[in-house]
Amino acid sequence: MKFFLLLAAFFVVIWLMRGGRRRVPPSPPPQAPVVPPAGAPSASESIVACVHCGLHLPQSEAVTGEVGWFCGDAHRQAHDIDARS
């Protein structure tokens, strides 16, 4: 019995000397933040809908009119003509 206790103590000492646990692999290095290309809408930019056709687009790309936002000059002018008739 004494032999098994000494053998167990020996293995515990060896186990503790080697680290005792599985080593955790090192975490990957942090990645550089992704920079959106120039001209791309930012994540916090407002999205508006064209009054004429309902298309959703970033506010920086929209054309403003008397009654709201439009996706282009053609729809702004078409809406003005439709409103007058």
PDB file of N, CA and C in Angstrom:
ATOM      1  N   MET A   1       0.828  -1.184   0.000  1.00  0.00           N
ATOM      2  CA  MET A   1       0.000   0.000   0.000  1.00  0.00           C
ATOM      3  C   MET A   1       0.879   1.256   0.000  1.00  0.00           C
ATOM      4  N   LYS A   2       1.940   1.233   0.766  1.00  0.00           N
ATOM      5  CA  LYS A   2       2.852   2.369   0.840  1.00  0.00           C
ATOM      6  C   LYS A   2       3.462   2.639  -0.527  1.00  0.00           C
ATOM      7  N   PHE A   3       3.721   1.598  -1.283  1.00  0.00           N
ATOM      8  CA  PHE A   3       4.304   1.718  -2.619  1.00  0.00           C
ATOM      9  C   PHE A   3       3.363   2.485  -3.554  1.00  0.00           C
ATOM     10  N   PHE A   4       2.071   2.181  -3.509  1.00  0.00           N
ATOM     11  CA  PHE A   4       1.099   2.861  -4.374  1.00  0.00           C
ATOM     12  C   PHE A   4       0.946   4.328  -4.002  1.00  0.00           C
ATOM     13  N   LEU A   5       1.010   4.659  -2.722  1.00  0.00           N
ATOM     14  CA  LEU A   5       0.942   6.048  -2.290  1.00  0.00           C
ATOM     15  C   LEU A   5       2.167   6.820  -2.769  1.00  0.00           C
ATOM     16  N   LEU A   6       3.341   6.225  -2.681  1.00  0.00           N
ATOM     17  CA  LEU A   6       4.550   6.885  -3.165  1.00  0.00           C
ATOM     18  C   LEU A   6       4.506   7.057  -4.680  1.00  0.00           C
ATOM     19  N   LEU A   7       4.029   6.031  -5.382  1.00  0.00           N
ATOM     20  CA  LEU A   7       3.911   6.106  -6.842  1.00  0.00           C
ATOM     21  C   LEU A   7       2.910   7.196  -7.254  1.00  0.00           C
ATOM     22  N   ALA A   8       1.771   7.291  -6.553  1.00  0.00           N
ATOM     23  CA  ALA A   8       0.768   8.309  -6.845  1.00  0.00           C
ATOM     24  C   ALA A   8       1.336   9.701  -6.555  1.00  0.00           C
ATOM     25  N   ALA A   9       2.048   9.840  -5.421  1.00  0.00           N
ATOM     26  CA  ALA A   9       2.661  11.119  -5.079  1.00  0.00           C
ATOM     27  C   ALA A   9       3.683  11.516  -6.140  1.00  0.00           C
ATOM     28  N   PHE A  10       4.456  10.558  -6.629  1.00  0.00           N
ATOM     29  CA  PHE A  10       5.450  10.821  -7.669  1.00  0.00           C
ATOM     30  C   PHE A  10       4.773  11.356  -8.926  1.00  0.00           C
ATOM     31  N   PHE A  11       3.679  10.716  -9.358  1.00  0.00           N
ATOM     32  CA  PHE A  11       2.975  11.170 -10.568  1.00  0.00           C
ATOM     33  C   PHE A  11       2.321  12.540 -10.369  1.00  0.00           C
ATOM     34  N   VAL A  12       1.832  12.814  -9.174  1.00  0.00           N
ATOM     35  CA  VAL A  12       1.245  14.135  -8.893  1.00  0.00           C
ATOM     36  C   VAL A  12       2.323  15.206  -8.978  1.00  0.00           C
ATOM     37  N   VAL A  13       3.503  14.938  -8.425  1.00  0.00           N
ATOM     38  CA  VAL A  13       4.600  15.900  -8.484  1.00  0.00           C
ATOM     39  C   VAL A  13       5.017  16.148  -9.927  1.00  0.00           C
ATOM     40  N   ILE A  14       5.152  15.083 -10.697  1.00  0.00           N
ATOM     41  CA  ILE A  14       5.516  15.224 -12.116  1.00  0.00           C
ATOM     42  C   ILE A  14       4.441  16.020 -12.852  1.00  0.00           C
ATOM     43  N   TRP A  15       3.178  15.708 -12.581  1.00  0.00           N
ATOM     44  CA  TRP A  15       2.065  16.402 -13.245  1.00  0.00           C
ATOM     45  C   TRP A  15       2.087  17.891 -12.920  1.00  0.00           C
ATOM     46  N   LEU A  16       2.352  18.240 -11.659  1.00  0.00           N
ATOM     47  CA  LEU A  16       2.411  19.643 -11.261  1.00  0.00           C
ATOM     48  C   LEU A  16       3.603  20.355 -11.877  1.00  0.00           C
ATOM     49  N   MET A  17       4.715  19.659 -12.015  1.00  0.00           N
ATOM     50  CA  MET A  17       5.906  20.271 -12.605  1.00  0.00           C
ATOM     51  C   MET A  17       5.712  20.560 -14.095  1.00  0.00           C
ATOM     52  N   ARG A  18       4.927  19.761 -14.772  1.00  0.00           N
ATOM     53  CA  ARG A  18       4.716  19.942 -16.216  1.00  0.00           C
ATOM     54  C   ARG A  18       3.623  20.961 -16.508  1.00  0.00           C
ATOM     55  N   GLY A  19       2.989  21.484 -15.520  1.00  0.00           N
ATOM     56  CA  GLY A  19       1.974  22.505 -15.759  1.00  0.00           C
ATOM     57  C   GLY A  19       0.625  22.116 -15.214  1.00  0.00           C
ATOM     58  N   GLY A  20       0.397  20.874 -14.992  1.00  0.00           N
ATOM     59  CA  GLY A  20      -0.822  20.422 -14.347  1.00  0.00           C
ATOM     60  C   GLY A  20      -2.051  20.386 -15.225  1.00  0.00           C
ATOM     61  N   ARG A  21      -2.130  21.249 -16.153  1.00  0.00           N
ATOM     62  CA  ARG A  21      -3.308  21.321 -17.023  1.00  0.00           C
ATOM     63  C   ARG A  21      -2.865  21.381 -18.460  1.00  0.00           C
ATOM     64  N   ARG A  22      -3.818  21.172 -19.319  1.00  0.00           N
ATOM     65  CA  ARG A  22      -3.523  21.364 -20.744  1.00  0.00           C
ATOM     66  C   ARG A  22      -3.239  22.824 -20.978  1.00  0.00           C
ATOM     67  N   ARG A  23      -2.313  23.059 -21.798  1.00  0.00           N
ATOM     68  CA  ARG A  23      -1.962  24.448 -22.094  1.00  0.00           C
ATOM     69  C   ARG A  23      -3.017  25.034 -23.044  1.00  0.00           C
ATOM     70  N   VAL A  24      -3.415  26.240 -22.743  1.00  0.00           N
ATOM     71  CA  VAL A  24      -4.383  26.949 -23.582  1.00  0.00           C
ATOM     72  C   VAL A  24      -3.609  27.534 -24.757  1.00  0.00           C
ATOM     73  N   PRO A  25      -4.057  27.252 -25.994  1.00  0.00           N
ATOM     74  CA  PRO A  25      -3.344  27.817 -27.142  1.00  0.00           C
ATOM     75  C   PRO A  25      -3.414  29.347 -27.097  1.00  0.00           C
ATOM     76  N   PRO A  26      -2.357  29.989 -27.531  1.00  0.00           N
ATOM     77  CA  PRO A  26      -2.378  31.459 -27.504  1.00  0.00           C
ATOM     78  C   PRO A  26      -3.483  31.996 -28.403  1.00  0.00           C
ATOM     79  N   SER A  27      -4.071  33.095 -27.956  1.00  0.00           N
ATOM     80  CA  SER A  27      -5.142  33.689 -28.754  1.00  0.00           C
ATOM     81  C   SER A  27      -4.541  34.321 -30.006  1.00  0.00           C
ATOM     82  N   PRO A  28      -5.300  34.333 -31.102  1.00  0.00           N
ATOM     83  CA  PRO A  28      -4.789  34.935 -32.331  1.00  0.00           C
ATOM     84  C   PRO A  28      -4.566  36.429 -32.136  1.00  0.00           C
ATOM     85  N   PRO A  29      -3.633  36.991 -32.860  1.00  0.00           N
ATOM     86  CA  PRO A  29      -3.384  38.433 -32.714  1.00  0.00           C
ATOM     87  C   PRO A  29      -4.615  39.223 -33.151  1.00  0.00           C
ATOM     88  N   PRO A  30      -4.851  40.367 -32.538  1.00  0.00           N
ATOM     89  CA  PRO A  30      -6.027  41.161 -32.917  1.00  0.00           C
ATOM     90  C   PRO A  30      -5.927  41.613 -34.369  1.00  0.00           C
ATOM     91  N   GLN A  31      -7.060  41.568 -35.031  1.00  0.00           N
ATOM     92  CA  GLN A  31      -7.093  41.970 -36.438  1.00  0.00           C
ATOM     93  C   GLN A  31      -7.281  43.479 -36.537  1.00  0.00           C
ATOM     94  N   ALA A  32      -6.750  44.023 -37.602  1.00  0.00           N
ATOM     95  CA  ALA A  32      -6.900  45.457 -37.845  1.00  0.00           C
ATOM     96  C   ALA A  32      -8.367  45.742 -38.149  1.00  0.00           C
ATOM     97  N   PRO A  33      -8.898  46.872 -37.697  1.00  0.00           N
ATOM     98  CA  PRO A  33     -10.297  47.196 -37.986  1.00  0.00           C
ATOM     99  C   PRO A  33     -10.510  47.377 -39.487  1.00  0.00           C
ATOM    100  N   VAL A  34     -11.676  46.972 -39.933  1.00  0.00           N
ATOM    101  CA  VAL A  34     -12.020  47.084 -41.348  1.00  0.00           C
ATOM    102  C   VAL A  34     -12.438  48.525 -41.629  1.00  0.00           C
ATOM    103  N   VAL A  35     -11.779  49.126 -42.568  1.00  0.00           N
ATOM    104  CA  VAL A  35     -12.080  50.506 -42.939  1.00  0.00           C
ATOM    105  C   VAL A  35     -12.959  50.479 -44.187  1.00  0.00           C
ATOM    106  N   PRO A  36     -14.165  51.055 -44.122  1.00  0.00           N
ATOM    107  CA  PRO A  36     -15.021  51.047 -45.301  1.00  0.00           C
ATOM    108  C   PRO A  36     -14.410  51.904 -46.403  1.00  0.00           C
ATOM    109  N   PRO A  37     -14.646  51.549 -47.655  1.00  0.00           N
ATOM    110  CA  PRO A  37     -14.104  52.346 -48.748  1.00  0.00           C
ATOM    111  C   PRO A  37     -14.706  53.747 -48.756  1.00  0.00           C
ATOM    112  N   ALA A  38     -13.951  54.669 -49.321  1.00  0.00           N
ATOM    113  CA  ALA A  38     -14.417  56.056 -49.385  1.00  0.00           C
ATOM    114  C   ALA A  38     -15.708  56.120 -50.195  1.00  0.00           C
ATOM    115  N   GLY A  39     -16.645  56.874 -49.723  1.00  0.00           N
ATOM    116  CA  GLY A  39     -17.920  57.022 -50.428  1.00  0.00           C
ATOM    117  C   GLY A  39     -18.965  56.021 -49.983  1.00  0.00           C
ATOM    118  N   ALA A  40     -18.570  55.016 -49.186  1.00  0.00           N
ATOM    119  CA  ALA A  40     -19.546  54.049 -48.695  1.00  0.00           C
ATOM    120  C   ALA A  40     -20.319  54.677 -47.539  1.00  0.00           C
ATOM    121  N   PRO A  41     -21.601  54.381 -47.424  1.00  0.00           N
ATOM    122  CA  PRO A  41     -22.371  54.977 -46.333  1.00  0.00           C
ATOM    123  C   PRO A  41     -21.882  54.452 -44.991  1.00  0.00           C
ATOM    124  N   SER A  42     -21.824  55.325 -43.999  1.00  0.00           N
ATOM    125  CA  SER A  42     -21.387  54.895 -42.676  1.00  0.00           C
ATOM    126  C   SER A  42     -22.527  54.154 -41.987  1.00  0.00           C
ATOM    127  N   ALA A  43     -22.183  53.443 -40.933  1.00  0.00           N
ATOM    128  CA  ALA A  43     -23.181  52.641 -40.230  1.00  0.00           C
ATOM    129  C   ALA A  43     -24.223  53.516 -39.535  1.00  0.00           C
ATOM    130  N   SER A  44     -23.896  54.758 -39.244  1.00  0.00           N
ATOM    131  CA  SER A  44     -24.827  55.605 -38.526  1.00  0.00           C
ATOM    132  C   SER A  44     -25.577  56.575 -39.434  1.00  0.00           C
ATOM    133  N   GLU A  45     -25.429  56.433 -40.738  1.00  0.00           N
ATOM    134  CA  GLU A  45     -26.091  57.347 -41.666  1.00  0.00           C
ATOM    135  C   GLU A  45     -27.571  56.992 -41.789  1.00  0.00           C
ATOM    136  N   SER A  46     -28.402  58.009 -41.906  1.00  0.00           N
ATOM    137  CA  SER A  46     -29.847  57.807 -42.022  1.00  0.00           C
ATOM    138  C   SER A  46     -30.205  57.253 -43.399  1.00  0.00           C
ATOM    139  N   ILE A  47     -31.208  56.399 -43.407  1.00  0.00           N
ATOM    140  CA  ILE A  47     -31.741  55.837 -44.650  1.00  0.00           C
ATOM    141  C   ILE A  47     -33.085  56.504 -44.898  1.00  0.00           C
ATOM    142  N   VAL A  48     -33.302  56.985 -46.112  1.00  0.00           N
ATOM    143  CA  VAL A  48     -34.553  57.651 -46.471  1.00  0.00           C
ATOM    144  C   VAL A  48     -35.192  56.920 -47.644  1.00  0.00           C
ATOM    145  N   ALA A  49     -36.469  57.137 -47.825  1.00  0.00           N
ATOM    146  CA  ALA A  49     -37.201  56.506 -48.922  1.00  0.00           C
ATOM    147  C   ALA A  49     -37.591  57.571 -49.939  1.00  0.00           C
ATOM    148  N   CYS A  50     -37.481  57.217 -51.210  1.00  0.00           N
ATOM    149  CA  CYS A  50     -37.887  58.110 -52.288  1.00  0.00           C
ATOM    150  C   CYS A  50     -39.408  58.272 -52.219  1.00  0.00           C
ATOM    151  N   VAL A  51     -39.863  59.516 -52.265  1.00  0.00           N
ATOM    152  CA  VAL A  51     -41.298  59.794 -52.200  1.00  0.00           C
ATOM    153  C   VAL A  51     -42.007  59.251 -53.440  1.00  0.00           C
ATOM    154  N   HIS A  52     -41.336  59.241 -54.578  1.00  0.00           N
ATOM    155  CA  HIS A  52     -41.957  58.847 -55.842  1.00  0.00           C
ATOM    156  C   HIS A  52     -42.048  57.322 -55.989  1.00  0.00           C
ATOM    157  N   CYS A  53     -40.932  56.613 -55.763  1.00  0.00           N
ATOM    158  CA  CYS A  53     -40.928  55.168 -56.029  1.00  0.00           C
ATOM    159  C   CYS A  53     -40.760  54.309 -54.778  1.00  0.00           C
ATOM    160  N   GLY A  54     -40.388  54.905 -53.641  1.00  0.00           N
ATOM    161  CA  GLY A  54     -40.256  54.147 -52.398  1.00  0.00           C
ATOM    162  C   GLY A  54     -38.904  53.490 -52.196  1.00  0.00           C
ATOM    163  N   LEU A  55     -37.953  53.722 -53.090  1.00  0.00           N
ATOM    164  CA  LEU A  55     -36.616  53.148 -52.966  1.00  0.00           C
ATOM    165  C   LEU A  55     -35.929  53.686 -51.718  1.00  0.00           C
ATOM    166  N   HIS A  56     -35.311  52.800 -50.923  1.00  0.00           N
ATOM    167  CA  HIS A  56     -34.566  53.216 -49.737  1.00  0.00           C
ATOM    168  C   HIS A  56     -33.104  53.414 -50.107  1.00  0.00           C
ATOM    169  N   LEU A  57     -32.535  54.552 -49.700  1.00  0.00           N
ATOM    170  CA  LEU A  57     -31.141  54.859 -50.001  1.00  0.00           C
ATOM    171  C   LEU A  57     -30.569  55.744 -48.905  1.00  0.00           C
ATOM    172  N   PRO A  58     -29.228  55.797 -48.800  1.00  0.00           N
ATOM    173  CA  PRO A  58     -28.617  56.665 -47.790  1.00  0.00           C
ATOM    174  C   PRO A  58     -28.956  58.132 -48.045  1.00  0.00           C
ATOM    175  N   GLN A  59     -29.097  58.876 -46.987  1.00  0.00           N
ATOM    176  CA  GLN A  59     -29.486  60.279 -47.105  1.00  0.00           C
ATOM    177  C   GLN A  59     -28.461  61.081 -47.894  1.00  0.00           C
ATOM    178  N   SER A  60     -27.177  60.705 -47.824  1.00  0.00           N
ATOM    179  CA  SER A  60     -26.147  61.450 -48.552  1.00  0.00           C
ATOM    180  C   SER A  60     -26.283  61.282 -50.063  1.00  0.00           C
ATOM    181  N   GLU A  61     -26.940  60.219 -50.522  1.00  0.00           N
ATOM    182  CA  GLU A  61     -27.115  59.983 -51.962  1.00  0.00           C
ATOM    183  C   GLU A  61     -28.477  60.469 -52.458  1.00  0.00           C
ATOM    184  N   ALA A  62     -29.352  60.861 -51.557  1.00  0.00           N
ATOM    185  CA  ALA A  62     -30.703  61.267 -51.932  1.00  0.00           C
ATOM    186  C   ALA A  62     -30.727  62.738 -52.352  1.00  0.00           C
ATOM    187  N   VAL A  63     -31.753  63.071 -53.144  1.00  0.00           N
ATOM    188  CA  VAL A  63     -31.973  64.444 -53.591  1.00  0.00           C
ATOM    189  C   VAL A  63     -33.177  64.967 -52.815  1.00  0.00           C
ATOM    190  N   THR A  64     -33.033  66.148 -52.249  1.00  0.00           N
ATOM    191  CA  THR A  64     -34.131  66.707 -51.466  1.00  0.00           C
ATOM    192  C   THR A  64     -35.066  67.511 -52.370  1.00  0.00           C
ATOM    193  N   GLY A  65     -36.334  67.440 -52.047  1.00  0.00           N
ATOM    194  CA  GLY A  65     -37.342  68.184 -52.806  1.00  0.00           C
ATOM    195  C   GLY A  65     -38.257  68.925 -51.851  1.00  0.00           C
ATOM    196  N   GLU A  66     -39.328  69.484 -52.377  1.00  0.00           N
ATOM    197  CA  GLU A  66     -40.256  70.256 -51.539  1.00  0.00           C
ATOM    198  C   GLU A  66     -41.014  69.375 -50.549  1.00  0.00           C
ATOM    199  N   VAL A  67     -41.297  68.136 -50.943  1.00  0.00           N
ATOM    200  CA  VAL A  67     -42.115  67.271 -50.085  1.00  0.00           C
ATOM    201  C   VAL A  67     -41.323  66.145 -49.418  1.00  0.00           C
ATOM    202  N   GLY A  68     -40.040  66.015 -49.698  1.00  0.00           N
ATOM    203  CA  GLY A  68     -39.266  64.944 -49.069  1.00  0.00           C
ATOM    204  C   GLY A  68     -38.024  64.583 -49.864  1.00  0.00           C
ATOM    205  N   TRP A  69     -37.631  63.336 -49.760  1.00  0.00           N
ATOM    206  CA  TRP A  69     -36.409  62.834 -50.392  1.00  0.00           C
ATOM    207  C   TRP A  69     -36.732  62.055 -51.663  1.00  0.00           C
ATOM    208  N   PHE A  70     -35.848  62.151 -52.653  1.00  0.00           N
ATOM    209  CA  PHE A  70     -36.013  61.451 -53.922  1.00  0.00           C
ATOM    210  C   PHE A  70     -34.720  60.724 -54.265  1.00  0.00           C
ATOM    211  N   CYS A  71     -34.828  59.673 -55.078  1.00  0.00           N
ATOM    212  CA  CYS A  71     -33.633  58.900 -55.442  1.00  0.00           C
ATOM    213  C   CYS A  71     -32.856  59.568 -56.576  1.00  0.00           C
ATOM    214  N   GLY A  72     -33.420  60.534 -57.232  1.00  0.00           N
ATOM    215  CA  GLY A  72     -32.727  61.246 -58.304  1.00  0.00           C
ATOM    216  C   GLY A  72     -33.542  62.436 -58.772  1.00  0.00           C
ATOM    217  N   ASP A  73     -32.916  63.251 -59.629  1.00  0.00           N
ATOM    218  CA  ASP A  73     -33.612  64.437 -60.143  1.00  0.00           C
ATOM    219  C   ASP A  73     -34.816  64.069 -61.000  1.00  0.00           C
ATOM    220  N   ALA A  74     -34.729  62.968 -61.725  1.00  0.00           N
ATOM    221  CA  ALA A  74     -35.837  62.569 -62.598  1.00  0.00           C
ATOM    222  C   ALA A  74     -37.094  62.292 -61.775  1.00  0.00           C
ATOM    223  N   HIS A  75     -36.962  61.616 -60.643  1.00  0.00           N
ATOM    224  CA  HIS A  75     -38.142  61.328 -59.816  1.00  0.00           C
ATOM    225  C   HIS A  75     -38.627  62.585 -59.106  1.00  0.00           C
ATOM    226  N   ARG A  76     -37.712  63.481 -58.742  1.00  0.00           N
ATOM    227  CA  ARG A  76     -38.136  64.743 -58.118  1.00  0.00           C
ATOM    228  C   ARG A  76     -38.965  65.554 -59.108  1.00  0.00           C
ATOM    229  N   GLN A  77     -38.491  65.637 -60.353  1.00  0.00           N
ATOM    230  CA  GLN A  77     -39.222  66.389 -61.369  1.00  0.00           C
ATOM    231  C   GLN A  77     -40.527  65.689 -61.725  1.00  0.00           C
ATOM    232  N   ALA A  78     -40.503  64.367 -61.828  1.00  0.00           N
ATOM    233  CA  ALA A  78     -41.740  63.638 -62.157  1.00  0.00           C
ATOM    234  C   ALA A  78     -42.786  63.813 -61.054  1.00  0.00           C
ATOM    235  N   HIS A  79     -42.376  63.828 -59.823  1.00  0.00           N
ATOM    236  CA  HIS A  79     -43.313  64.021 -58.716  1.00  0.00           C
ATOM    237  C   HIS A  79     -43.886  65.432 -58.718  1.00  0.00           C
ATOM    238  N   ASP A  80     -43.053  66.429 -59.060  1.00  0.00           N
ATOM    239  CA  ASP A  80     -43.535  67.810 -59.152  1.00  0.00           C
ATOM    240  C   ASP A  80     -44.564  67.958 -60.263  1.00  0.00           C
ATOM    241  N   ILE A  81     -44.330  67.281 -61.400  1.00  0.00           N
ATOM    242  CA  ILE A  81     -45.280  67.336 -62.520  1.00  0.00           C
ATOM    243  C   ILE A  81     -46.574  66.648 -62.148  1.00  0.00           C
ATOM    244  N   ASP A  82     -46.471  65.465 -61.482  1.00  0.00           N
ATOM    245  CA  ASP A  82     -47.686  64.742 -61.074  1.00  0.00           C
ATOM    246  C   ASP A  82     -48.490  65.544 -60.032  1.00  0.00           C
ATOM    247  N   ALA A  83     -47.794  66.253 -59.173  1.00  0.00           N
ATOM    248  CA  ALA A  83     -48.487  67.024 -58.126  1.00  0.00           C
ATOM    249  C   ALA A  83     -49.232  68.217 -58.716  1.00  0.00           C
ATOM    250  N   ARG A  84     -48.711  68.780 -59.791  1.00  0.00           N
ATOM    251  CA  ARG A  84     -49.355  69.943 -60.428  1.00  0.00           C
ATOM    252  C   ARG A  84     -50.583  69.552 -61.231  1.00  0.00           C
ATOM    253  N   SER A  85     -50.625  68.336 -61.774  1.00  0.00           N
ATOM    254  CA  SER A  85     -51.757  67.948 -62.613  1.00  0.00           C
ATOM    255  C   SER A  85     -52.942  67.500 -61.822  1.00  0.00           C
TER     256      SER A  85
END
